[in-house]
Protein backbone atom coordinates (compact mmCIF):
# COMPACT_ATOMS: atom_id res chain seq x y z
CA VAL A 1 36.13 -19.65 -6.87
CA GLN A 2 34.62 -23.03 -7.24
CA LEU A 3 33.30 -25.06 -10.15
CA VAL A 4 31.24 -28.18 -9.00
CA GLU A 5 30.40 -30.77 -11.53
CA SER A 6 27.52 -33.48 -11.11
CA GLY A 7 25.81 -35.90 -13.02
CA GLY A 8 28.20 -38.49 -13.81
CA GLY A 9 27.81 -42.23 -13.48
CA LEU A 10 27.48 -45.39 -15.05
CA VAL A 11 25.33 -45.85 -18.19
CA GLN A 12 24.99 -48.43 -21.01
CA PRO A 13 25.90 -47.83 -24.51
CA GLY A 14 23.32 -45.84 -26.29
CA GLY A 15 22.31 -44.38 -23.01
CA SER A 16 22.05 -40.61 -21.98
CA LEU A 17 23.39 -38.48 -19.18
CA ARG A 18 23.27 -34.72 -18.26
CA LEU A 19 26.21 -33.24 -16.61
CA SER A 20 25.79 -30.02 -14.60
CA CYS A 21 28.58 -27.56 -13.46
CA ALA A 22 27.78 -24.74 -10.98
CA GLY A 23 30.14 -21.86 -10.69
CA SER A 24 30.78 -19.54 -7.70
CA GLY A 25 33.08 -16.85 -6.50
CA PHE A 26 33.43 -15.16 -10.04
CA THR A 27 31.11 -13.42 -12.54
CA PHE A 28 30.20 -16.57 -14.30
CA SER A 29 28.25 -14.69 -17.14
CA ASN A 30 31.42 -12.95 -18.38
CA TYR A 31 33.36 -16.41 -19.34
CA ASP A 32 33.02 -18.70 -22.16
CA MET A 33 32.70 -22.10 -20.63
CA ASN A 34 34.26 -25.33 -21.57
CA TRP A 35 33.58 -29.13 -20.93
CA HIS A 36 36.74 -31.06 -21.28
CA ARG A 37 37.33 -35.04 -20.73
CA GLN A 38 40.42 -37.15 -19.96
CA ALA A 39 40.19 -40.99 -20.46
CA PRO A 40 42.93 -43.16 -18.78
CA GLY A 41 46.08 -43.14 -20.74
CA LYS A 42 45.19 -40.15 -22.82
CA ASP A 43 45.62 -36.41 -22.83
CA ARG A 44 42.84 -34.12 -21.64
CA GLU A 45 40.63 -33.03 -24.74
CA LEU A 46 38.19 -30.21 -25.36
CA VAL A 47 34.76 -31.74 -25.87
CA ALA A 48 32.48 -28.48 -26.16
CA ARG A 49 32.49 -24.73 -25.75
CA ILE A 50 29.93 -22.37 -24.98
CA SER A 51 30.04 -18.47 -25.35
CA SER A 52 29.25 -16.07 -22.50
CA ALA A 53 25.83 -15.41 -23.56
CA GLY A 54 25.28 -18.79 -24.86
CA GLY A 55 24.82 -17.79 -28.47
CA ASP A 56 27.78 -19.66 -29.86
CA THR A 57 28.89 -23.43 -29.42
CA LYS A 58 31.42 -25.56 -30.63
CA TYR A 59 32.03 -29.29 -30.41
CA ALA A 60 34.71 -31.87 -30.84
CA ASP A 61 34.10 -33.96 -34.24
CA SER A 62 33.83 -36.99 -31.84
CA VAL A 63 30.59 -35.81 -30.09
CA LYS A 64 28.90 -33.54 -32.78
CA GLY A 65 25.34 -34.64 -32.89
CA ARG A 66 25.22 -36.50 -29.84
CA PHE A 67 26.35 -33.94 -27.10
CA THR A 68 24.77 -30.41 -26.45
CA ILE A 69 26.27 -27.75 -24.36
CA SER A 70 23.98 -24.97 -22.56
CA ARG A 71 24.10 -22.74 -19.82
CA ASP A 72 21.83 -20.83 -17.66
CA ASN A 73 23.61 -17.51 -16.40
CA SER A 74 20.66 -16.91 -13.80
CA LYS A 75 21.96 -20.19 -12.12
CA ASN A 76 25.55 -19.90 -12.78
CA THR A 77 25.48 -23.45 -14.43
CA VAL A 78 26.63 -24.83 -17.44
CA TYR A 79 25.13 -28.17 -18.91
CA LEU A 80 26.35 -30.97 -20.89
CA GLN A 81 23.63 -33.22 -22.29
CA MET A 82 25.06 -36.57 -23.64
CA ASN A 83 23.08 -38.67 -25.85
CA SER A 84 23.95 -41.83 -27.79
CA LEU A 85 26.77 -42.55 -25.54
CA LYS A 86 29.44 -44.78 -26.58
CA PRO A 87 32.39 -46.80 -24.68
CA GLU A 88 34.75 -44.35 -25.87
CA ASP A 89 33.05 -41.52 -24.26
CA THR A 90 34.14 -43.25 -20.82
CA ALA A 91 36.38 -40.44 -19.03
CA VAL A 92 36.51 -37.98 -16.30
CA TYR A 93 34.46 -34.73 -17.37
CA TYR A 94 35.74 -31.30 -16.31
CA CYS A 95 34.16 -27.88 -16.51
CA HIS A 96 36.57 -24.84 -17.04
CA ALA A 97 36.11 -21.30 -17.45
CA ARG A 98 38.02 -20.37 -20.67
CA SER A 99 41.09 -18.42 -20.32
CA THR A 100 41.34 -18.85 -16.66
CA ALA A 101 42.56 -21.29 -14.01
CA TYR A 102 39.30 -22.16 -12.86
CA TRP A 103 38.55 -25.86 -13.17
CA GLY A 104 36.08 -28.16 -11.50
CA GLN A 105 37.13 -31.43 -9.86
CA GLY A 106 35.78 -33.75 -12.33
CA THR A 107 33.08 -36.03 -12.53
CA GLN A 108 33.27 -39.96 -13.92
CA VAL A 109 31.36 -40.88 -16.75
CA THR A 110 31.62 -44.62 -17.47
CA VAL A 111 29.86 -46.19 -20.66
CA SER A 112 29.63 -50.02 -20.29
CA SER A 113 27.22 -52.93 -20.61
């Protein structure tokens, strides 16, 4: 089983990034998928969730209206579109198959001028 994130990087405040997470080795379309993040010195937090078929999404209050989670089950991939980024969004972002031990390795997002 693998979950591989990509798309992180350094961006200025107000900018955008799109994270991707490609899954393999399990039936991706059977699982709700989560994006979590962990900032230095802070607990890991749930940022967004999407249902297995993609019809239902949930967001942390801190990212509502700025982030959009989506998925393409034909590509076994989940995405996180992040707009209007703020310095407080700086963290390592992880994808996770809900209710499993399947986690990606994380991708660093840094928002700084």
